Amino acid sequence: MKDIVLYDQNCRFCKATKRLFEKLDWMHVIEWKPLQESENTRFTQEELMREIHLITPSGDVKKRFFCDS
């Protein structure tokens, strides 16, 4: 199972971050999902719009990359 990253597909910073990490992810261990297409998440829309969320296969959540735009 892969790590899942929820990101804002309308945010330039998020898209640039995704492009960079996709180049570095040569083993394809991360699945990128736009938060706009995500269903049944345990996060509020506000939380999703503020930070990129990484969900590990065990269900742990890592949040960073605070975005104020």
PDB file of N, CA and C in Angstrom:
ATOM      1  N   MET A   1       0.832  -1.180   0.000  1.00  0.00           N
ATOM      2  CA  MET A   1       0.000   0.000   0.000  1.00  0.00           C
ATOM      3  C   MET A   1       0.883   1.252   0.000  1.00  0.00           C
ATOM      4  N   LYS A   2       0.441   2.296  -0.688  1.00  0.00           N
ATOM      5  CA  LYS A   2       1.231   3.516  -0.821  1.00  0.00           C
ATOM      6  C   LYS A   2       0.835   4.569   0.201  1.00  0.00           C
ATOM      7  N   ASP A   3       1.760   5.507   0.437  1.00  0.00           N
ATOM      8  CA  ASP A   3       1.402   6.729   1.158  1.00  0.00           C
ATOM      9  C   ASP A   3       0.502   7.535   0.226  1.00  0.00           C
ATOM     10  N   ILE A   4      -0.478   8.218   0.792  1.00  0.00           N
ATOM     11  CA  ILE A   4      -1.380   9.055   0.000  1.00  0.00           C
ATOM     12  C   ILE A   4      -1.173  10.501   0.413  1.00  0.00           C
ATOM     13  N   VAL A   5      -1.019  11.372  -0.566  1.00  0.00           N
ATOM     14  CA  VAL A   5      -0.879  12.795  -0.296  1.00  0.00           C
ATOM     15  C   VAL A   5      -2.091  13.510  -0.872  1.00  0.00           C
ATOM     16  N   LEU A   6      -2.798  14.250  -0.005  1.00  0.00           N
ATOM     17  CA  LEU A   6      -3.920  15.080  -0.432  1.00  0.00           C
ATOM     18  C   LEU A   6      -3.392  16.495  -0.610  1.00  0.00           C
ATOM     19  N   TYR A   7      -3.597  17.046  -1.795  1.00  0.00           N
ATOM     20  CA  TYR A   7      -3.066  18.385  -2.083  1.00  0.00           C
ATOM     21  C   TYR A   7      -4.125  19.192  -2.828  1.00  0.00           C
ATOM     22  N   ASP A   8      -3.976  20.502  -2.817  1.00  0.00           N
ATOM     23  CA  ASP A   8      -4.900  21.412  -3.500  1.00  0.00           C
ATOM     24  C   ASP A   8      -4.451  21.570  -4.950  1.00  0.00           C
ATOM     25  N   GLN A   9      -5.237  21.033  -5.864  1.00  0.00           N
ATOM     26  CA  GLN A   9      -4.853  21.091  -7.280  1.00  0.00           C
ATOM     27  C   GLN A   9      -4.982  22.489  -7.874  1.00  0.00           C
ATOM     28  N   ASN A  10      -5.525  23.440  -7.109  1.00  0.00           N
ATOM     29  CA  ASN A  10      -5.649  24.824  -7.579  1.00  0.00           C
ATOM     30  C   ASN A  10      -4.560  25.731  -7.006  1.00  0.00           C
ATOM     31  N   CYS A  11      -3.703  25.183  -6.164  1.00  0.00           N
ATOM     32  CA  CYS A  11      -2.644  25.960  -5.511  1.00  0.00           C
ATOM     33  C   CYS A  11      -1.326  25.771  -6.276  1.00  0.00           C
ATOM     34  N   ARG A  12      -0.710  26.866  -6.690  1.00  0.00           N
ATOM     35  CA  ARG A  12       0.546  26.776  -7.442  1.00  0.00           C
ATOM     36  C   ARG A  12       1.655  26.153  -6.611  1.00  0.00           C
ATOM     37  N   PHE A  13       1.725  26.491  -5.317  1.00  0.00           N
ATOM     38  CA  PHE A  13       2.753  25.934  -4.453  1.00  0.00           C
ATOM     39  C   PHE A  13       2.563  24.424  -4.306  1.00  0.00           C
ATOM     40  N   CYS A  14       1.322  24.000  -4.105  1.00  0.00           N
ATOM     41  CA  CYS A  14       1.035  22.562  -3.961  1.00  0.00           C
ATOM     42  C   CYS A  14       1.392  21.805  -5.241  1.00  0.00           C
ATOM     43  N   LYS A  15       1.035  22.367  -6.381  1.00  0.00           N
ATOM     44  CA  LYS A  15       1.342  21.702  -7.651  1.00  0.00           C
ATOM     45  C   LYS A  15       2.842  21.642  -7.904  1.00  0.00           C
ATOM     46  N   ALA A  16       3.558  22.691  -7.533  1.00  0.00           N
ATOM     47  CA  ALA A  16       5.016  22.682  -7.693  1.00  0.00           C
ATOM     48  C   ALA A  16       5.648  21.647  -6.758  1.00  0.00           C
ATOM     49  N   THR A  17       5.135  21.554  -5.541  1.00  0.00           N
ATOM     50  CA  THR A  17       5.626  20.554  -4.590  1.00  0.00           C
ATOM     51  C   THR A  17       5.389  19.155  -5.131  1.00  0.00           C
ATOM     52  N   LYS A  18       4.211  18.922  -5.663  1.00  0.00           N
ATOM     53  CA  LYS A  18       3.871  17.618  -6.238  1.00  0.00           C
ATOM     54  C   LYS A  18       4.825  17.269  -7.376  1.00  0.00           C
ATOM     55  N   ARG A  19       5.050  18.207  -8.291  1.00  0.00           N
ATOM     56  CA  ARG A  19       5.951  17.944  -9.426  1.00  0.00           C
ATOM     57  C   ARG A  19       7.351  17.569  -8.955  1.00  0.00           C
ATOM     58  N   LEU A  20       7.863  18.303  -7.977  1.00  0.00           N
ATOM     59  CA  LEU A  20       9.196  18.031  -7.452  1.00  0.00           C
ATOM     60  C   LEU A  20       9.259  16.643  -6.823  1.00  0.00           C
ATOM     61  N   PHE A  21       8.302  16.335  -5.960  1.00  0.00           N
ATOM     62  CA  PHE A  21       8.338  15.050  -5.279  1.00  0.00           C
ATOM     63  C   PHE A  21       8.077  13.885  -6.220  1.00  0.00           C
ATOM     64  N   GLU A  22       7.297  14.094  -7.264  1.00  0.00           N
ATOM     65  CA  GLU A  22       7.106  13.021  -8.246  1.00  0.00           C
ATOM     66  C   GLU A  22       8.419  12.683  -8.946  1.00  0.00           C
ATOM     67  N   LYS A  23       9.239  13.677  -9.196  1.00  0.00           N
ATOM     68  CA  LYS A  23      10.546  13.428  -9.812  1.00  0.00           C
ATOM     69  C   LYS A  23      11.464  12.654  -8.878  1.00  0.00           C
ATOM     70  N   LEU A  24      11.340  12.900  -7.580  1.00  0.00           N
ATOM     71  CA  LEU A  24      12.189  12.224  -6.597  1.00  0.00           C
ATOM     72  C   LEU A  24      11.657  10.845  -6.200  1.00  0.00           C
ATOM     73  N   ASP A  25      10.393  10.585  -6.469  1.00  0.00           N
ATOM     74  CA  ASP A  25       9.739   9.337  -6.068  1.00  0.00           C
ATOM     75  C   ASP A  25       9.940   8.273  -7.152  1.00  0.00           C
ATOM     76  N   TRP A  26      11.159   7.869  -7.364  1.00  0.00           N
ATOM     77  CA  TRP A  26      11.470   6.924  -8.435  1.00  0.00           C
ATOM     78  C   TRP A  26      10.990   5.508  -8.124  1.00  0.00           C
ATOM     79  N   MET A  27      10.621   5.232  -6.876  1.00  0.00           N
ATOM     80  CA  MET A  27      10.070   3.916  -6.531  1.00  0.00           C
ATOM     81  C   MET A  27       8.534   3.939  -6.506  1.00  0.00           C
ATOM     82  N   HIS A  28       7.955   5.102  -6.797  1.00  0.00           N
ATOM     83  CA  HIS A  28       6.498   5.264  -6.885  1.00  0.00           C
ATOM     84  C   HIS A  28       5.791   4.799  -5.611  1.00  0.00           C
ATOM     85  N   VAL A  29       6.220   5.339  -4.481  1.00  0.00           N
ATOM     86  CA  VAL A  29       5.633   4.960  -3.198  1.00  0.00           C
ATOM     87  C   VAL A  29       4.564   5.951  -2.720  1.00  0.00           C
ATOM     88  N   ILE A  30       4.371   7.031  -3.469  1.00  0.00           N
ATOM     89  CA  ILE A  30       3.387   8.043  -3.081  1.00  0.00           C
ATOM     90  C   ILE A  30       2.303   8.143  -4.149  1.00  0.00           C
ATOM     91  N   GLU A  31       1.063   8.161  -3.674  1.00  0.00           N
ATOM     92  CA  GLU A  31      -0.087   8.392  -4.551  1.00  0.00           C
ATOM     93  C   GLU A  31      -0.617   9.787  -4.253  1.00  0.00           C
ATOM     94  N   TRP A  32      -0.668  10.641  -5.256  1.00  0.00           N
ATOM     95  CA  TRP A  32      -1.123  12.016  -5.100  1.00  0.00           C
ATOM     96  C   TRP A  32      -2.596  12.101  -5.462  1.00  0.00           C
ATOM     97  N   LYS A  33      -3.399  12.661  -4.562  1.00  0.00           N
ATOM     98  CA  LYS A  33      -4.831  12.820  -4.809  1.00  0.00           C
ATOM     99  C   LYS A  33      -5.229  14.273  -4.570  1.00  0.00           C
ATOM    100  N   PRO A  34      -5.859  14.894  -5.554  1.00  0.00           N
ATOM    101  CA  PRO A  34      -6.354  16.254  -5.322  1.00  0.00           C
ATOM    102  C   PRO A  34      -7.428  16.231  -4.245  1.00  0.00           C
ATOM    103  N   LEU A  35      -7.351  17.153  -3.300  1.00  0.00           N
ATOM    104  CA  LEU A  35      -8.352  17.177  -2.238  1.00  0.00           C
ATOM    105  C   LEU A  35      -9.738  17.457  -2.799  1.00  0.00           C
ATOM    106  N   GLN A  36      -9.806  18.108  -3.951  1.00  0.00           N
ATOM    107  CA  GLN A  36     -11.091  18.395  -4.579  1.00  0.00           C
ATOM    108  C   GLN A  36     -11.799  17.119  -5.033  1.00  0.00           C
ATOM    109  N   GLU A  37     -11.051  16.047  -5.212  1.00  0.00           N
ATOM    110  CA  GLU A  37     -11.631  14.777  -5.663  1.00  0.00           C
ATOM    111  C   GLU A  37     -11.685  13.743  -4.545  1.00  0.00           C
ATOM    112  N   SER A  38     -11.246  14.117  -3.351  1.00  0.00           N
ATOM    113  CA  SER A  38     -11.208  13.178  -2.234  1.00  0.00           C
ATOM    114  C   SER A  38     -12.567  13.097  -1.567  1.00  0.00           C
ATOM    115  N   GLU A  39     -12.946  11.905  -1.225  1.00  0.00           N
ATOM    116  CA  GLU A  39     -14.215  11.687  -0.542  1.00  0.00           C
ATOM    117  C   GLU A  39     -13.950  10.991   0.788  1.00  0.00           C
ATOM    118  N   ASN A  40     -14.859  11.190   1.714  1.00  0.00           N
ATOM    119  CA  ASN A  40     -14.825  10.486   2.994  1.00  0.00           C
ATOM    120  C   ASN A  40     -13.513  10.668   3.753  1.00  0.00           C
ATOM    121  N   THR A  41     -12.974  11.876   3.759  1.00  0.00           N
ATOM    122  CA  THR A  41     -11.781  12.110   4.571  1.00  0.00           C
ATOM    123  C   THR A  41     -12.218  12.536   5.963  1.00  0.00           C
ATOM    124  N   ARG A  42     -11.368  12.376   6.912  1.00  0.00           N
ATOM    125  CA  ARG A  42     -11.686  12.757   8.289  1.00  0.00           C
ATOM    126  C   ARG A  42     -11.253  14.182   8.599  1.00  0.00           C
ATOM    127  N   PHE A  43     -10.956  14.948   7.561  1.00  0.00           N
ATOM    128  CA  PHE A  43     -10.495  16.313   7.732  1.00  0.00           C
ATOM    129  C   PHE A  43     -11.556  17.284   7.237  1.00  0.00           C
ATOM    130  N   THR A  44     -11.560  18.470   7.829  1.00  0.00           N
ATOM    131  CA  THR A  44     -12.471  19.503   7.345  1.00  0.00           C
ATOM    132  C   THR A  44     -11.900  20.090   6.051  1.00  0.00           C
ATOM    133  N   GLN A  45     -12.753  20.734   5.309  1.00  0.00           N
ATOM    134  CA  GLN A  45     -12.308  21.384   4.069  1.00  0.00           C
ATOM    135  C   GLN A  45     -11.262  22.446   4.386  1.00  0.00           C
ATOM    136  N   GLU A  46     -11.444  23.156   5.498  1.00  0.00           N
ATOM    137  CA  GLU A  46     -10.473  24.184   5.888  1.00  0.00           C
ATOM    138  C   GLU A  46      -9.100  23.577   6.163  1.00  0.00           C
ATOM    139  N   GLU A  47      -9.067  22.450   6.873  1.00  0.00           N
ATOM    140  CA  GLU A  47      -7.790  21.778   7.141  1.00  0.00           C
ATOM    141  C   GLU A  47      -7.112  21.364   5.841  1.00  0.00           C
ATOM    142  N   LEU A  48      -7.899  20.826   4.931  1.00  0.00           N
ATOM    143  CA  LEU A  48      -7.336  20.360   3.662  1.00  0.00           C
ATOM    144  C   LEU A  48      -6.800  21.510   2.823  1.00  0.00           C
ATOM    145  N   MET A  49      -7.444  22.658   2.891  1.00  0.00           N
ATOM    146  CA  MET A  49      -7.010  23.803   2.097  1.00  0.00           C
ATOM    147  C   MET A  49      -5.776  24.485   2.693  1.00  0.00           C
ATOM    148  N   ARG A  50      -5.503  24.271   3.970  1.00  0.00           N
ATOM    149  CA  ARG A  50      -4.376  24.930   4.629  1.00  0.00           C
ATOM    150  C   ARG A  50      -3.062  24.201   4.465  1.00  0.00           C
ATOM    151  N   GLU A  51      -3.092  22.872   4.461  1.00  0.00           N
ATOM    152  CA  GLU A  51      -1.860  22.096   4.485  1.00  0.00           C
ATOM    153  C   GLU A  51      -1.976  20.857   3.602  1.00  0.00           C
ATOM    154  N   ILE A  52      -0.847  20.416   3.115  1.00  0.00           N
ATOM    155  CA  ILE A  52      -0.782  19.127   2.430  1.00  0.00           C
ATOM    156  C   ILE A  52      -0.841  18.043   3.493  1.00  0.00           C
ATOM    157  N   HIS A  53      -1.646  17.024   3.260  1.00  0.00           N
ATOM    158  CA  HIS A  53      -1.797  15.920   4.212  1.00  0.00           C
ATOM    159  C   HIS A  53      -1.216  14.646   3.603  1.00  0.00           C
ATOM    160  N   LEU A  54      -0.347  13.986   4.357  1.00  0.00           N
ATOM    161  CA  LEU A  54       0.188  12.688   3.949  1.00  0.00           C
ATOM    162  C   LEU A  54      -0.407  11.641   4.883  1.00  0.00           C
ATOM    163  N   ILE A  55      -1.018  10.626   4.297  1.00  0.00           N
ATOM    164  CA  ILE A  55      -1.621   9.548   5.072  1.00  0.00           C
ATOM    165  C   ILE A  55      -0.823   8.282   4.793  1.00  0.00           C
ATOM    166  N   THR A  56      -0.267   7.708   5.854  1.00  0.00           N
ATOM    167  CA  THR A  56       0.550   6.503   5.699  1.00  0.00           C
ATOM    168  C   THR A  56      -0.360   5.284   5.574  1.00  0.00           C
ATOM    169  N   PRO A  57       0.184   4.174   5.089  1.00  0.00           N
ATOM    170  CA  PRO A  57      -0.624   2.953   4.981  1.00  0.00           C
ATOM    171  C   PRO A  57      -1.222   2.502   6.322  1.00  0.00           C
ATOM    172  N   SER A  58      -0.570   2.855   7.429  1.00  0.00           N
ATOM    173  CA  SER A  58      -1.100   2.474   8.749  1.00  0.00           C
ATOM    174  C   SER A  58      -2.163   3.452   9.244  1.00  0.00           C
ATOM    175  N   GLY A  59      -2.392   4.541   8.488  1.00  0.00           N
ATOM    176  CA  GLY A  59      -3.412   5.513   8.868  1.00  0.00           C
ATOM    177  C   GLY A  59      -2.897   6.729   9.606  1.00  0.00           C
ATOM    178  N   ASP A  60      -1.596   6.770   9.880  1.00  0.00           N
ATOM    179  CA  ASP A  60      -1.009   7.956  10.515  1.00  0.00           C
ATOM    180  C   ASP A  60      -1.082   9.127   9.539  1.00  0.00           C
ATOM    181  N   VAL A  61      -1.205  10.331  10.093  1.00  0.00           N
ATOM    182  CA  VAL A  61      -1.317  11.524   9.265  1.00  0.00           C
ATOM    183  C   VAL A  61      -0.181  12.483   9.580  1.00  0.00           C
ATOM    184  N   LYS A  62       0.442  12.986   8.540  1.00  0.00           N
ATOM    185  CA  LYS A  62       1.478  14.011   8.658  1.00  0.00           C
ATOM    186  C   LYS A  62       0.952  15.231   7.929  1.00  0.00           C
ATOM    187  N   LYS A  63       1.014  16.407   8.589  1.00  0.00           N
ATOM    188  CA  LYS A  63       0.539  17.642   7.970  1.00  0.00           C
ATOM    189  C   LYS A  63       1.648  18.677   8.039  1.00  0.00           C
ATOM    190  N   ARG A  64       1.904  19.321   6.928  1.00  0.00           N
ATOM    191  CA  ARG A  64       2.900  20.399   6.882  1.00  0.00           C
ATOM    192  C   ARG A  64       2.615  21.272   5.672  1.00  0.00           C
ATOM    193  N   PHE A  65       3.586  22.122   5.348  1.00  0.00           N
ATOM    194  CA  PHE A  65       3.512  23.018   4.196  1.00  0.00           C
ATOM    195  C   PHE A  65       2.350  23.982   4.330  1.00  0.00           C
ATOM    196  N   PHE A  66       2.315  24.697   5.459  1.00  0.00           N
ATOM    197  CA  PHE A  66       1.252  25.669   5.695  1.00  0.00           C
ATOM    198  C   PHE A  66       1.158  26.624   4.516  1.00  0.00           C
ATOM    199  N   CYS A  67      -0.025  26.792   4.005  1.00  0.00           N
ATOM    200  CA  CYS A  67      -0.254  27.677   2.866  1.00  0.00           C
ATOM    201  C   CYS A  67      -1.339  28.684   3.244  1.00  0.00           C
ATOM    202  N   ASP A  68      -1.041  29.935   3.111  1.00  0.00           N
ATOM    203  CA  ASP A  68      -1.988  30.982   3.505  1.00  0.00           C
ATOM    204  C   ASP A  68      -2.684  31.587   2.309  1.00  0.00           C
ATOM    205  N   SER A  69      -2.494  31.032   1.129  1.00  0.00           N
ATOM    206  CA  SER A  69      -3.115  31.639  -0.063  1.00  0.00           C
ATOM    207  C   SER A  69      -4.399  30.947  -0.424  1.00  0.00           C
TER     208      SER A  69
END
